[in-house]
Protein backbone atom coordinates (compact mmCIF):
# COMPACT_ATOMS: atom_id res chain seq x y z
CA UNK A 1 -0.09 0.08 -0.02
CA UNK A 2 2.41 2.65 1.25
CA UNK A 3 -0.09 5.36 0.48
CA UNK A 4 1.09 7.47 3.15
CA UNK A 5 4.74 6.69 3.45
CA UNK A 6 6.87 8.57 5.81
CA UNK A 7 3.92 10.22 7.55
CA UNK A 8 3.70 10.46 10.96
CA UNK A 9 0.21 9.21 12.92
CA UNK A 10 -0.97 9.48 16.53
CA UNK A 11 -4.09 7.06 17.60
CA UNK A 12 -5.25 8.00 21.10
CA UNK A 13 -6.81 4.57 22.61
CA UNK A 14 -4.79 2.65 20.52
CA UNK A 15 -3.80 -0.49 22.61
CA UNK A 16 -6.88 -2.64 21.98
CA UNK A 17 -10.00 -3.03 19.48
CA UNK A 18 -10.61 -0.07 16.80
CA UNK A 19 -7.66 2.08 17.78
CA UNK A 20 -5.58 -1.15 17.70
CA UNK A 21 -6.45 -2.07 13.81
CA UNK A 22 -6.34 1.83 12.76
CA UNK A 23 -2.67 1.82 14.28
CA UNK A 24 -1.61 -1.09 12.60
CA UNK A 25 -3.42 -0.10 9.30
CA UNK A 26 -1.74 2.81 9.30
CA UNK A 27 1.70 1.34 9.75
CA UNK A 28 0.71 -1.09 6.83
CA UNK A 29 -0.17 1.99 4.56
CA UNK A 30 3.65 3.29 5.32
CA UNK A 31 3.32 5.72 8.54
CA UNK A 32 4.94 5.58 11.66
CA UNK A 33 2.61 5.43 14.72
CA UNK A 34 2.49 6.82 18.16
CA UNK A 35 -0.45 5.08 20.38
CA UNK A 36 -1.62 6.10 23.49
CA UNK A 37 -3.42 4.06 26.10
CA UNK A 38 -4.44 4.57 29.93
CA UNK A 39 -4.46 0.50 31.36
CA UNK A 40 -3.24 -1.65 28.78
CA UNK A 41 0.73 -1.83 28.72
CA UNK A 42 0.96 -4.86 27.64
CA UNK A 43 -1.60 -4.88 25.02
CA UNK A 44 0.15 -1.11 23.98
CA UNK A 45 3.49 -2.77 23.47
CA UNK A 46 2.07 -5.47 21.24
CA UNK A 47 0.09 -3.43 19.15
CA UNK A 48 3.76 -1.39 18.77
CA UNK A 49 5.31 -4.30 17.91
CA UNK A 50 2.68 -5.31 15.19
CA UNK A 51 3.53 -1.94 13.78
CA UNK A 52 7.25 -2.56 13.73
CA UNK A 53 6.54 -5.70 12.08
CA UNK A 54 5.14 -3.63 9.15
CA UNK A 55 8.64 -1.92 9.04
CA UNK A 56 7.53 1.39 10.60
CA UNK A 57 8.41 2.97 13.79
CA UNK A 58 6.01 2.30 17.05
CA UNK A 59 5.64 4.48 20.23
CA UNK A 60 3.19 3.74 22.90
CA UNK A 61 2.45 6.68 25.47
CA UNK A 62 0.32 6.31 28.55
CA UNK A 63 -1.88 8.81 28.35
CA UNK A 64 -5.33 9.43 30.27
CA UNK A 65 -7.52 10.92 27.71
CA UNK A 66 -9.23 13.03 30.76
CA UNK A 67 -6.53 14.88 31.50
CA UNK A 68 -5.68 18.09 29.30
CA UNK A 69 -2.27 18.03 29.92
CA UNK A 70 -1.86 14.42 29.02
CA UNK A 71 -3.46 14.75 25.61
CA UNK A 72 -1.34 18.07 25.10
CA UNK A 73 1.74 16.31 26.11
CA UNK A 74 0.81 12.93 23.89
CA UNK A 75 0.91 15.25 20.75
CA UNK A 76 3.81 17.19 21.98
CA UNK A 77 5.82 13.91 22.55
CA UNK A 78 4.88 12.57 19.19
CA UNK A 79 6.12 15.33 17.23
CA UNK A 80 9.72 15.32 19.56
CA UNK A 81 10.10 11.84 18.66
CA UNK A 82 9.11 11.70 15.25
CA UNK A 83 9.85 14.81 13.99
CA UNK A 84 6.31 16.17 13.30
CA UNK A 85 2.40 14.84 12.59
CA UNK A 86 0.62 14.25 9.72
CA UNK A 87 -2.31 12.13 10.99
CA UNK A 88 -4.27 12.54 14.08
CA UNK A 89 -6.87 9.85 15.16
CA UNK A 90 -9.24 10.40 18.11
CA UNK A 91 -10.50 7.13 19.24
CA UNK A 92 -10.08 6.93 22.79
CA UNK A 93 -13.62 6.77 24.23
CA UNK A 94 -15.56 5.50 27.33
CA UNK A 95 -18.95 3.98 27.43
CA UNK A 96 -21.21 5.19 30.24
CA UNK A 97 -24.80 3.22 29.75
CA UNK A 98 -27.97 3.07 31.70
CA UNK A 99 -30.79 5.13 32.88
CA UNK A 100 -30.38 8.71 32.88
CA UNK A 101 -31.74 9.01 36.24
CA UNK A 102 -29.08 6.28 37.32
CA UNK A 103 -26.12 8.02 35.57
CA UNK A 104 -24.10 9.95 38.18
CA UNK A 105 -22.27 13.47 37.42
CA UNK A 106 -18.99 12.15 37.73
CA UNK A 107 -20.12 9.63 34.88
CA UNK A 108 -21.21 12.69 32.62
CA UNK A 109 -18.02 14.47 33.45
CA UNK A 110 -15.57 11.86 32.36
CA UNK A 111 -17.44 11.02 29.66
CA UNK A 112 -17.50 14.51 27.93
CA UNK A 113 -14.09 14.94 29.35
CA UNK A 114 -12.89 11.70 27.30
CA UNK A 115 -15.33 11.88 24.60
CA UNK A 116 -15.76 15.48 23.45
CA UNK A 117 -13.08 17.31 25.05
CA UNK A 118 -9.95 15.32 24.34
CA UNK A 119 -10.88 15.56 20.66
CA UNK A 120 -10.89 19.29 20.91
CA UNK A 121 -7.67 19.60 23.18
CA UNK A 122 -5.83 16.94 20.59
CA UNK A 123 -7.00 18.54 17.66
CA UNK A 124 -6.09 22.05 18.81
CA UNK A 125 -2.45 20.84 19.81
CA UNK A 126 -1.94 19.26 16.83
CA UNK A 127 -3.12 22.03 14.53
CA UNK A 128 0.13 23.70 15.74
CA UNK A 129 2.13 20.80 14.17
CA UNK A 130 0.14 19.48 11.10
CA UNK A 131 1.74 19.64 7.87
CA UNK A 132 -0.21 21.04 4.75
CA UNK A 133 -2.18 18.04 3.89
CA UNK A 134 -2.60 16.50 7.26
CA UNK A 135 -5.55 14.61 8.74
CA UNK A 136 -7.69 14.94 11.49
CA UNK A 137 -10.19 11.57 11.85
CA UNK A 138 -12.42 11.06 15.12
CA UNK A 139 -14.02 7.84 15.51
CA UNK A 140 -17.72 8.33 16.64
CA UNK A 141 -20.71 6.22 17.10
CA UNK A 142 -23.79 4.90 15.03
CA UNK A 143 -25.35 5.80 18.35
CA UNK A 144 -24.81 9.51 16.64
CA UNK A 145 -27.19 8.26 14.06
CA UNK A 146 -29.57 5.86 15.24
CA UNK A 147 -30.72 5.05 19.24
CA UNK A 148 -32.51 1.77 19.20
CA UNK A 149 -31.86 0.74 22.90
CA UNK A 150 -32.55 2.83 26.06
CA UNK A 151 -29.79 4.03 28.10
CA UNK A 152 -27.42 5.64 25.74
CA UNK A 153 -28.88 9.04 26.29
CA UNK A 154 -24.79 10.12 27.65
CA UNK A 155 -23.15 8.46 25.03
CA UNK A 156 -24.85 8.98 21.90
CA UNK A 157 -25.12 12.88 23.30
CA UNK A 158 -21.22 12.70 23.43
CA UNK A 159 -20.61 11.34 19.98
CA UNK A 160 -23.25 13.63 18.70
CA UNK A 161 -20.92 16.59 19.75
CA UNK A 162 -18.20 15.31 17.35
CA UNK A 163 -20.36 16.04 14.23
CA UNK A 164 -20.04 19.90 15.23
CA UNK A 165 -16.53 19.25 16.06
CA UNK A 166 -15.74 18.00 12.50
CA UNK A 167 -17.60 20.28 10.62
CA UNK A 168 -16.11 23.52 12.42
CA UNK A 169 -12.45 22.01 12.22
CA UNK A 170 -12.73 21.32 8.58
CA UNK A 171 -13.85 25.14 7.86
CA UNK A 172 -11.01 26.25 9.42
CA UNK A 173 -8.31 24.12 8.62
CA UNK A 174 -9.41 23.48 5.27
CA UNK A 175 -7.15 26.18 3.81
CA UNK A 176 -3.94 24.48 4.87
CA UNK A 177 -5.48 21.45 3.00
CA UNK A 178 -6.18 19.49 6.23
CA UNK A 179 -9.20 17.09 6.14
CA UNK A 180 -11.19 16.88 9.02
CA UNK A 181 -13.68 13.64 9.25
CA UNK A 182 -15.92 11.38 11.31
CA UNK A 183 -16.23 7.77 11.49
CA UNK A 184 -19.16 6.26 12.95
CA UNK A 185 -18.76 2.72 13.51
CA UNK A 186 -21.93 0.33 13.80
CA UNK A 187 -21.77 -2.75 15.63
CA UNK A 188 -18.03 -4.25 15.52
CA UNK A 189 -16.75 -7.31 17.51
CA UNK A 190 -14.70 -5.76 20.05
CA UNK A 191 -14.23 -6.67 24.15
CA UNK A 192 -16.38 -3.97 24.84
CA UNK A 193 -19.20 -5.17 22.21
CA UNK A 194 -18.53 -8.83 21.31
CA UNK A 195 -20.28 -10.47 18.33
CA UNK A 196 -21.24 -13.48 20.67
CA UNK A 197 -22.53 -10.89 23.58
CA UNK A 198 -26.20 -11.00 24.99
CA UNK A 199 -27.93 -8.69 22.75
CA UNK A 200 -25.56 -9.41 19.50
CA UNK A 201 -28.54 -11.52 17.60
CA UNK A 202 -30.71 -8.39 18.40
CA UNK A 203 -28.08 -5.95 16.73
CA UNK A 204 -27.70 -8.37 13.99
CA UNK A 205 -31.21 -8.70 13.41
CA UNK A 206 -31.24 -4.53 13.09
CA UNK A 207 -28.45 -4.32 10.78
CA UNK A 208 -29.23 -5.07 6.98
CA UNK A 209 -25.91 -6.84 6.16
CA UNK A 210 -26.90 -9.18 9.07
CA UNK A 211 -23.08 -9.62 10.78
CA UNK A 212 -20.97 -7.30 12.79
CA UNK A 213 -17.50 -5.63 11.62
CA UNK A 214 -14.24 -6.56 12.46
CA UNK A 215 -12.22 -4.06 13.82
CA UNK A 216 -10.04 -4.33 10.31
CA UNK A 217 -13.50 -2.83 8.83
CA UNK A 218 -13.27 0.35 10.37
CA UNK A 219 -9.61 0.83 10.11
CA UNK A 220 -9.83 0.28 6.23
CA UNK A 221 -11.79 3.36 5.86
CA UNK A 222 -9.63 5.70 8.44
CA UNK A 223 -6.58 4.18 6.37
CA UNK A 224 -8.45 5.54 3.35
CA UNK A 225 -9.51 8.95 4.84
CA UNK A 226 -5.61 9.08 5.75
CA UNK A 227 -4.55 8.85 2.43
CA UNK A 228 -4.31 11.27 -0.60
CA UNK A 229 -7.35 9.69 -2.55
CA UNK A 230 -9.65 11.36 0.24
CA UNK A 231 -8.44 14.88 -0.51
CA UNK A 232 -11.61 16.22 -1.46
CA UNK A 233 -13.58 14.53 1.68
CA UNK A 234 -13.70 16.82 4.78
CA UNK A 235 -16.04 17.75 7.20
CA UNK A 236 -18.04 14.64 6.65
CA UNK A 237 -19.69 11.98 8.87
CA UNK A 238 -19.33 8.56 7.45
CA UNK A 239 -21.00 5.87 8.59
CA UNK A 240 -19.53 2.36 8.46
CA UNK A 241 -22.48 0.44 10.16
CA UNK A 242 -23.73 -2.25 7.94
CA UNK A 243 -26.71 -0.28 7.08
CA UNK A 244 -27.56 -0.23 11.02
CA UNK A 245 -28.48 3.72 10.61
CA UNK A 246 -30.87 3.41 7.56
């Protein structure tokens, strides 16, 4: 592939699931990759190993996406370690689900800090360093498009906020050739949402293609958005959900 040969990418929350698949995909496309993690040091090291197996440089940084200084620091450390930044993927997220009357204020605060503030802070820090033609890609959720189960009010609100952020940044950074896009994954087979989970059959029944995606399916769209062919796509929210949102 090597469509982004010599580029530098930062993927937040890259130690597992979609984030790990994105990190490896970008390495396969030719980028050196920095990923952040919070708890999964061993998994993060394994993902770095997979990045390096693609012949690229890899680095894992511990950073809590709820911490403004940690998010900004991850951007700065990426630039210091690899000499620049071309692709930012805002993937880190938290998943607080439950009846609205039961969710505590601290759950609201952390959800908004990780799912909304962190992408804003990372983009703010990255904007100072992104080279012309750079990319910002955020990972949203199909729950921003269609909420079919109760208990998702907080989560869907946080992911919907990324639509406005994406559009605003696309307008602001477009003159520099920097594109900003949002990917809304649908049912994806991860630790947090396994394809053999208790509600999986119901979810498959609501999805026209009748199955879950693999993390690599989402990473493929991110890889395209990171590459040169997507230069005229910006401010877009792409649903990669097997038709769940229709």
